[in-house]
Amino acid sequence: MGMTVDTESRIEAGLEGARARTLGLLAPIDDADLVDQVSPLMSPLVWDLAHIGHYEELWLLRNVVGAAPTNELFDDVYDAFKHPRRDRPSLPILGPAEARAFVAGVRTRALDALATIDLDGDDPLLRDGFVYGMVAQHEQQHDETMLATIQLMEHFVHPDAAGWHPAPVARDDAGMVDVRGGAFFIGTDEHAWVYDNERPRHEVELASFRIDRTPVTNRQYRAFVEDGGYDDSRLWSDAGWAWRQEAAVEAPQFWQREGRGEWSRRRYGRREDLPPDEPVQHVCWHEADAFATWRGARLPTEAEWEAAAVHDGEPGGPRQMVGDVWEWTASDFAGYPGFVSFPYREYSEVFFGPEYKVLRGGSWATDTSVRRATFRNWDYPIRRQIFSGFRCAADA
């Protein structure tokens, strides 16, 4: 019905790639651990699995072809906005076998329906496969969330964990690079496979600035820890110092000081020596901000970050801006000038405001379908379980 082979192939590859990753992540995990909640910050893994299927049914079957819901109760149980994560274990959620059957059935029906859909028409939900890209990216984002949940499981050693790590940062890449000020275009006007908060593309005027060539490493962050960075209130914002005292943190999450002052970290159930040249992970915005202050620098705004990312990999330019760790920025999450919510307010708009800080770049756990310079992530400034790091900036 006018659909190009390329669009159809991309849709099928995106959906099937996401599903293979989802099932592969969960395959080694016992059913009891799929049902358990390892932290009030995270859902039981089986909730995420069934939520993926419900979201797909809602958008690819009910919205696109008018199909009836499998179970109307799911609209409540698997609505992420009705039930905070800490409450989800008490809901009547599907068990592991039922959840697997549910998502498999939805996928079969969605692919069957795809052959009947016109993706070249005027419907903005369908044009160029937008809604299919949204569903595929949604599943990939939940895969990253599930990886964060698995990392919080102290007793479980995931057999694939050895291959999950950010790229090392070469030690001779230390220092900052200069970005000349001027007019920069931020965001995108693309429609397919991008989110509403990335649009529209718009011009911003930036003063000249400097930005770290690479993300801050464990070695660099360890120097901050061992210099008493967590004990010096002058380095922290008022909110950050209050959080640090209440949480009683003295190092990034999963770090542990061993004998003779050495540090280790727990990674997917294994305790290992802290790798000095990897980007630091599992630090919250307050920790990143305090480190930057300690170093006599600051966090970049998200506009500065994106302007610098244009030069990622160029000789003398910044490196590793996409795909190592999510990088905290100084910016609150807000809509761009001319922002229009699409296709639902709950993806972006309801989170706009000073409560959330923007992260950029994508982590090693972020799929390539999401890993792009315009993608905007956001979270509370106290969150550490995500794969978050940062780089510093300074005025030129």
Protein backbone atom coordinates (compact mmCIF):
# COMPACT_ATOMS: atom_id res chain seq x y z
CA MET A 1 0.00 0.00 0.00
CA GLY A 2 2.75 2.39 -0.95
CA MET A 3 5.13 1.30 1.81
CA THR A 4 8.71 1.14 0.66
CA VAL A 5 10.73 -2.02 1.16
CA ASP A 6 13.38 -0.01 3.00
CA THR A 7 10.89 1.34 5.53
CA GLU A 8 9.33 -2.08 6.08
CA SER A 9 12.72 -3.69 6.50
CA ARG A 10 13.87 -1.04 8.93
CA ILE A 11 10.73 -1.46 11.00
CA GLU A 12 11.03 -5.24 11.15
CA ALA A 13 14.74 -5.08 11.94
CA GLY A 14 14.16 -2.49 14.66
CA LEU A 15 11.37 -4.43 16.33
CA GLU A 16 13.05 -7.81 16.09
CA GLY A 17 16.43 -6.50 17.20
CA ALA A 18 14.88 -4.97 20.30
CA ARG A 19 13.00 -8.18 21.12
CA ALA A 20 16.06 -10.37 20.70
CA ARG A 21 17.94 -8.13 23.10
CA THR A 22 15.11 -8.12 25.64
CA LEU A 23 14.76 -11.89 25.72
CA GLY A 24 18.53 -12.38 25.72
CA LEU A 25 18.97 -10.15 28.76
CA LEU A 26 16.30 -11.98 30.71
CA ALA A 27 17.01 -15.56 29.60
CA PRO A 28 19.65 -16.38 32.26
CA ILE A 29 17.57 -14.95 35.12
CA ASP A 30 15.46 -17.25 37.29
CA ASP A 31 11.73 -16.61 37.41
CA ALA A 32 11.97 -15.75 41.12
CA ASP A 33 14.42 -12.95 40.31
CA LEU A 34 12.24 -11.72 37.45
CA VAL A 35 9.37 -11.27 39.90
CA ASP A 36 11.44 -9.82 42.76
CA GLN A 37 11.94 -6.09 43.22
CA VAL A 38 15.60 -5.40 43.93
CA SER A 39 15.13 -1.68 44.62
CA PRO A 40 12.18 0.67 45.11
CA LEU A 41 13.77 2.74 42.33
CA MET A 42 13.19 -0.03 39.80
CA SER A 43 10.32 -2.21 38.64
CA PRO A 44 10.36 -6.00 38.86
CA LEU A 45 11.89 -7.17 35.59
CA VAL A 46 8.72 -9.04 34.68
CA TRP A 47 6.75 -5.78 34.93
CA ASP A 48 9.09 -4.18 32.38
CA LEU A 49 8.67 -7.15 30.05
CA ALA A 50 4.86 -7.05 30.07
CA HIS A 51 4.84 -3.24 29.94
CA ILE A 52 6.84 -3.47 26.69
CA GLY A 53 4.13 -5.71 25.26
CA HIS A 54 1.31 -3.49 26.49
CA TYR A 55 2.91 -0.37 25.01
CA GLU A 56 3.33 -2.17 21.69
CA GLU A 57 -0.28 -3.35 21.70
CA LEU A 58 -1.52 0.12 22.59
CA TRP A 59 0.31 1.86 19.76
CA LEU A 60 0.71 -0.73 16.97
CA LEU A 61 -2.61 -2.54 17.34
CA ARG A 62 -5.15 -0.46 19.22
CA ASN A 63 -4.15 2.98 17.87
CA VAL A 64 -3.13 1.89 14.37
CA VAL A 65 -5.69 -0.79 13.45
CA GLY A 66 -8.35 -0.39 16.14
CA ALA A 67 -7.78 -3.76 17.78
CA ALA A 68 -9.42 -4.58 21.09
CA PRO A 69 -7.20 -4.72 24.20
CA THR A 70 -6.02 -8.14 25.35
CA ASN A 71 -7.08 -7.21 28.86
CA GLU A 72 -8.49 -3.82 29.84
CA LEU A 73 -6.93 -4.21 33.29
CA PHE A 74 -3.49 -3.82 31.68
CA ASP A 75 -4.27 -0.16 30.96
CA ASP A 76 -4.03 0.38 34.69
CA VAL A 77 -1.42 -2.18 35.76
CA TYR A 78 1.11 -1.30 33.06
CA ASP A 79 0.60 2.45 33.00
CA ALA A 80 3.93 3.88 34.14
CA PHE A 81 2.28 7.14 35.19
CA LYS A 82 -0.38 5.62 37.42
CA HIS A 83 1.87 3.49 39.60
CA PRO A 84 5.34 4.48 40.83
CA ARG A 85 7.97 1.77 40.59
CA ARG A 86 7.98 1.09 44.32
CA ASP A 87 4.31 0.05 44.15
CA ARG A 88 4.41 -2.22 41.12
CA PRO A 89 5.17 -5.54 42.92
CA SER A 90 1.78 -5.26 44.68
CA LEU A 91 -0.11 -5.01 41.38
CA PRO A 92 -1.74 -8.04 39.70
CA ILE A 93 1.07 -8.33 37.14
CA LEU A 94 1.63 -11.23 34.79
CA GLY A 95 4.09 -13.92 35.81
CA PRO A 96 7.15 -14.69 33.67
CA ALA A 97 5.55 -17.36 31.46
CA GLU A 98 2.39 -15.31 30.96
CA ALA A 99 4.38 -12.17 30.18
CA ARG A 100 6.50 -13.97 27.58
CA ALA A 101 3.39 -15.37 25.91
CA PHE A 102 1.70 -11.95 25.96
CA VAL A 103 4.57 -10.08 24.32
CA ALA A 104 5.05 -12.83 21.73
CA GLY A 105 1.37 -12.75 20.80
CA VAL A 106 1.33 -8.97 20.48
CA ARG A 107 4.41 -9.06 18.25
CA THR A 108 2.93 -11.65 15.90
CA ARG A 109 -0.24 -9.58 15.50
CA ALA A 110 1.70 -6.33 15.06
CA LEU A 111 3.84 -7.76 12.26
CA ASP A 112 0.78 -9.23 10.56
CA ALA A 113 -0.93 -5.83 10.71
CA LEU A 114 2.16 -4.04 9.36
CA ALA A 115 1.54 -5.49 5.89
CA THR A 116 -1.78 -3.64 5.74
CA ILE A 117 -0.52 -0.19 6.80
CA ASP A 118 0.10 2.79 4.50
CA LEU A 119 3.19 4.56 5.76
CA ASP A 120 3.30 7.08 2.92
CA GLY A 121 0.05 8.88 3.79
CA ASP A 122 -0.62 12.05 5.75
CA ASP A 123 -1.08 10.46 9.17
CA PRO A 124 1.87 11.80 11.22
CA LEU A 125 1.73 8.75 13.47
CA LEU A 126 2.36 6.42 10.53
CA ARG A 127 4.40 8.54 8.14
CA ASP A 128 7.86 7.06 7.57
CA GLY A 129 7.10 4.48 10.25
CA PHE A 130 7.22 6.97 13.14
CA VAL A 131 5.07 4.93 15.53
CA TYR A 132 7.04 1.77 14.82
CA GLY A 133 10.31 3.56 15.52
CA MET A 134 8.83 4.92 18.73
CA VAL A 135 7.85 1.42 19.88
CA ALA A 136 11.22 -0.10 18.97
CA GLN A 137 13.11 2.67 20.77
CA HIS A 138 10.79 2.36 23.78
CA GLU A 139 11.73 -1.31 24.11
CA GLN A 140 15.44 -0.53 23.76
CA GLN A 141 15.14 2.12 26.47
CA HIS A 142 13.52 -0.43 28.77
CA ASP A 143 16.34 -2.84 27.98
CA GLU A 144 18.77 -0.26 29.34
CA THR A 145 16.54 0.21 32.38
CA MET A 146 16.54 -3.55 32.92
CA LEU A 147 20.35 -3.58 32.67
CA ALA A 148 20.40 -1.03 35.48
CA THR A 149 18.05 -3.25 37.50
CA ILE A 150 20.26 -6.31 36.93
CA GLN A 151 23.31 -4.30 38.08
CA LEU A 152 21.49 -3.69 41.39
CA MET A 153 21.10 -7.46 41.96
CA GLU A 154 23.91 -8.23 44.37
CA HIS A 155 23.67 -12.02 44.25
CA PHE A 156 23.24 -12.56 40.51
CA VAL A 157 26.23 -12.83 38.18
CA HIS A 158 25.11 -12.26 34.60
CA PRO A 159 27.02 -14.48 32.13
CA ASP A 160 27.18 -11.70 29.51
CA ALA A 161 28.49 -9.03 31.86
CA ALA A 162 32.10 -9.31 30.69
CA GLY A 163 31.14 -7.72 27.39
CA TRP A 164 29.25 -4.84 28.96
CA HIS A 165 31.57 -1.94 29.59
CA PRO A 166 32.25 1.54 28.30
CA ALA A 167 35.28 2.05 26.10
CA PRO A 168 38.47 2.92 27.99
CA VAL A 169 39.66 6.50 27.76
CA ALA A 170 43.24 6.85 26.58
CA ARG A 171 45.25 8.54 29.31
CA ASP A 172 46.97 10.92 26.89
CA ASP A 173 43.61 12.43 25.95
CA ALA A 174 43.41 14.54 29.09
CA GLY A 175 42.67 18.22 28.82
CA MET A 176 40.09 20.46 27.24
CA VAL A 177 39.34 21.52 23.70
CA ASP A 178 38.23 24.98 22.59
CA VAL A 179 34.88 25.57 20.91
CA ARG A 180 34.62 28.96 19.27
CA GLY A 181 31.45 30.86 20.04
CA GLY A 182 28.81 31.80 17.53
CA ALA A 183 25.51 30.55 16.14
CA PHE A 184 24.80 26.83 16.42
CA PHE A 185 21.85 24.75 15.31
CA ILE A 186 20.48 22.50 18.06
CA GLY A 187 17.92 19.71 17.69
CA THR A 188 16.45 18.22 14.54
CA ASP A 189 13.50 18.59 12.21
CA GLU A 190 13.48 14.91 11.33
CA HIS A 191 10.20 13.15 11.99
CA ALA A 192 10.84 9.43 11.80
CA TRP A 193 12.58 7.71 14.70
CA VAL A 194 13.17 10.81 16.82
CA TYR A 195 11.19 12.09 19.79
CA ASP A 196 9.17 15.27 20.15
CA ASN A 197 11.61 16.83 22.63
CA GLU A 198 14.39 16.76 20.00
CA ARG A 199 12.37 19.06 17.73
CA PRO A 200 12.36 21.66 16.31
CA ARG A 201 15.84 22.43 15.06
CA HIS A 202 16.65 25.94 16.19
CA GLU A 203 19.51 28.38 16.39
CA VAL A 204 21.26 29.33 19.61
CA GLU A 205 24.03 31.83 20.22
CA LEU A 206 26.86 30.55 22.39
CA ALA A 207 29.92 32.28 23.80
CA SER A 208 33.25 30.56 23.30
CA PHE A 209 33.85 27.76 25.79
CA ARG A 210 36.11 24.85 26.58
CA ILE A 211 35.05 21.26 27.16
CA ASP A 212 36.83 18.10 28.24
CA ARG A 213 38.15 16.05 25.37
CA THR A 214 36.87 12.86 27.04
CA PRO A 215 34.54 11.96 29.90
CA VAL A 216 35.93 12.18 33.43
CA THR A 217 37.66 8.89 34.28
CA ASN A 218 37.67 6.76 37.39
CA ARG A 219 41.26 7.85 37.97
CA GLN A 220 40.30 11.53 37.88
CA TYR A 221 37.24 11.02 40.04
CA ARG A 222 39.20 8.97 42.57
CA ALA A 223 41.48 11.98 43.08
CA PHE A 224 38.42 14.03 44.02
CA VAL A 225 37.29 11.34 46.48
CA GLU A 226 40.72 11.02 48.09
CA ASP A 227 41.11 14.80 48.32
CA GLY A 228 38.10 14.91 50.62
CA GLY A 229 35.67 16.04 47.97
CA TYR A 230 32.72 14.40 49.72
CA ASP A 231 33.55 16.15 53.00
CA ASP A 232 33.93 19.73 51.75
CA SER A 233 30.55 21.45 51.79
CA ARG A 234 31.97 24.40 49.83
CA LEU A 235 32.08 22.21 46.71
CA TRP A 236 28.42 21.28 46.83
CA SER A 237 25.21 23.15 46.14
CA ASP A 238 22.87 23.39 49.13
CA ALA A 239 20.65 20.67 47.67
CA GLY A 240 23.66 18.53 46.83
CA TRP A 241 25.16 18.81 50.30
CA ALA A 242 21.81 17.93 51.89
CA TRP A 243 21.58 14.86 49.65
CA ARG A 244 25.17 13.84 50.35
CA GLN A 245 24.58 14.03 54.12
CA GLU A 246 21.26 12.23 54.04
CA ALA A 247 22.50 9.49 51.71
CA ALA A 248 25.87 9.29 53.54
CA VAL A 249 27.70 8.64 50.28
CA GLU A 250 31.47 8.81 50.06
CA ALA A 251 32.09 7.53 46.53
CA PRO A 252 30.20 6.60 43.36
CA GLN A 253 27.63 3.84 43.65
CA PHE A 254 29.12 0.33 43.66
CA TRP A 255 32.61 1.58 44.61
CA GLN A 256 34.28 0.06 47.68
CA ARG A 257 37.61 0.88 49.29
CA GLU A 258 39.78 -2.18 49.79
CA GLY A 259 42.92 -2.64 51.87
CA ARG A 260 45.83 -0.24 51.41
CA GLY A 261 43.53 2.34 49.89
CA GLU A 262 42.72 0.49 46.68
CA TRP A 263 39.26 0.69 45.21
CA SER A 264 37.03 -1.94 43.66
CA ARG A 265 33.59 -1.86 42.12
CA ARG A 266 30.76 -4.36 41.88
CA ARG A 267 29.69 -5.03 38.33
CA TYR A 268 26.89 -7.48 37.55
CA GLY A 269 27.58 -9.54 40.64
CA ARG A 270 31.35 -9.57 40.35
CA ARG A 271 33.73 -7.47 42.42
CA GLU A 272 36.66 -6.22 40.35
CA ASP A 273 39.52 -3.74 40.56
CA LEU A 274 38.44 -0.24 39.63
CA PRO A 275 39.57 0.31 36.01
CA PRO A 276 41.34 3.70 36.15
CA ASP A 277 40.90 4.72 32.51
CA GLU A 278 37.19 4.02 32.08
CA PRO A 279 34.68 6.85 32.35
CA VAL A 280 33.31 7.12 35.86
CA GLN A 281 29.78 5.69 36.09
CA HIS A 282 26.88 5.78 38.53
CA VAL A 283 27.38 9.31 39.78
CA CYS A 284 24.45 11.65 40.26
CA TRP A 285 24.22 15.24 39.06
CA HIS A 286 25.20 16.58 42.48
CA GLU A 287 28.39 14.51 42.46
CA ALA A 288 29.24 15.64 38.93
CA ASP A 289 28.61 19.27 39.86
CA ALA A 290 30.76 19.02 43.01
CA PHE A 291 33.63 17.45 41.07
CA ALA A 292 33.47 20.22 38.48
CA THR A 293 33.59 22.85 41.21
CA TRP A 294 36.56 21.07 42.82
CA ARG A 295 38.35 21.17 39.49
CA GLY A 296 37.61 24.87 38.97
CA ALA A 297 35.24 24.10 36.12
CA ARG A 298 31.50 23.56 35.60
CA LEU A 299 29.14 21.24 33.78
CA PRO A 300 28.35 22.14 30.17
CA THR A 301 24.90 23.32 29.21
CA GLU A 302 23.13 20.90 26.92
CA ALA A 303 23.43 23.39 24.05
CA GLU A 304 27.20 23.52 24.61
CA TRP A 305 27.31 19.75 24.75
CA GLU A 306 25.47 19.37 21.44
CA ALA A 307 27.52 22.10 19.79
CA ALA A 308 30.69 20.27 20.83
CA ALA A 309 29.32 16.91 19.70
CA VAL A 310 29.31 18.14 16.09
CA HIS A 311 33.10 17.95 16.29
CA ASP A 312 33.24 14.54 18.00
CA GLY A 313 36.15 12.57 16.62
CA GLU A 314 37.66 15.38 14.56
CA PRO A 315 41.40 15.94 14.98
CA GLY A 316 41.81 18.04 18.11
CA GLY A 317 38.12 17.78 18.90
CA PRO A 318 36.23 16.10 21.71
CA ARG A 319 35.91 12.34 21.76
CA GLN A 320 33.57 9.65 23.02
CA MET A 321 30.60 11.96 23.34
CA VAL A 322 28.14 9.30 22.22
CA GLY A 323 27.94 5.77 23.55
CA ASP A 324 30.15 5.54 26.64
CA VAL A 325 28.17 7.04 29.51
CA TRP A 326 25.21 9.37 29.80
CA GLU A 327 26.69 12.79 30.51
CA TRP A 328 25.06 15.14 32.99
CA THR A 329 24.62 18.72 31.82
CA ALA A 330 23.89 21.91 33.72
CA SER A 331 20.50 22.31 32.03
CA ASP A 332 17.01 21.75 33.37
CA PHE A 333 14.73 19.74 31.10
CA ALA A 334 12.48 21.99 29.01
CA GLY A 335 10.92 22.14 25.57
CA TYR A 336 12.71 23.82 22.72
CA PRO A 337 11.21 27.04 21.29
CA GLY A 338 8.22 25.95 19.25
CA PHE A 339 7.98 22.55 20.95
CA VAL A 340 4.84 20.55 20.12
CA SER A 341 3.98 17.46 22.14
CA PHE A 342 3.59 14.37 19.94
CA PRO A 343 2.08 11.85 20.12
CA TYR A 344 1.40 12.07 23.87
CA ARG A 345 2.29 14.57 26.60
CA GLU A 346 3.53 11.90 28.98
CA TYR A 347 6.65 11.14 26.98
CA SER A 348 8.30 14.55 27.46
CA GLU A 349 6.13 17.49 28.38
CA VAL A 350 4.97 16.37 31.83
CA PHE A 351 8.64 16.23 32.91
CA PHE A 352 9.57 19.77 31.87
CA GLY A 353 10.79 21.82 34.81
CA PRO A 354 13.65 22.39 37.22
CA GLU A 355 13.18 19.04 39.00
CA TYR A 356 14.95 17.21 36.17
CA LYS A 357 18.42 17.63 34.72
CA VAL A 358 19.31 16.73 31.15
CA LEU A 359 21.76 13.97 30.25
CA ARG A 360 23.25 13.60 26.80
CA GLY A 361 25.20 11.17 24.65
CA GLY A 362 23.87 7.73 25.46
CA SER A 363 25.74 5.05 27.37
CA TRP A 364 27.34 1.72 26.42
CA ALA A 365 23.92 0.22 27.32
CA THR A 366 22.04 2.50 24.90
CA ASP A 367 21.10 0.94 21.58
CA THR A 368 22.22 2.63 18.38
CA SER A 369 18.57 3.42 17.56
CA VAL A 370 18.62 5.84 20.51
CA ARG A 371 22.30 6.78 20.53
CA ARG A 372 22.37 10.10 18.67
CA ALA A 373 23.68 13.57 19.39
CA THR A 374 20.21 15.13 19.50
CA PHE A 375 18.69 12.61 21.92
CA ARG A 376 17.73 14.12 25.28
CA ASN A 377 17.54 12.04 28.44
CA TRP A 378 16.53 13.42 31.82
CA ASP A 379 16.39 12.33 35.44
CA TYR A 380 16.29 13.59 38.99
CA PRO A 381 19.66 15.05 40.04
CA ILE A 382 19.97 12.44 42.84
CA ARG A 383 19.76 9.38 40.55
CA ARG A 384 22.86 7.17 40.44
CA GLN A 385 21.67 3.73 39.29
CA ILE A 386 21.67 4.91 35.67
CA PHE A 387 24.83 4.63 33.56
CA SER A 388 25.73 8.26 34.10
CA GLY A 389 29.01 10.11 34.02
CA PHE A 390 30.01 13.57 32.80
CA ARG A 391 32.63 15.84 31.34
CA CYS A 392 33.52 19.32 32.51
CA ALA A 393 33.38 22.65 30.70
CA ALA A 394 34.70 26.15 31.33
CA ASP A 395 34.34 29.63 29.93
CA ALA A 396 36.96 30.40 27.30
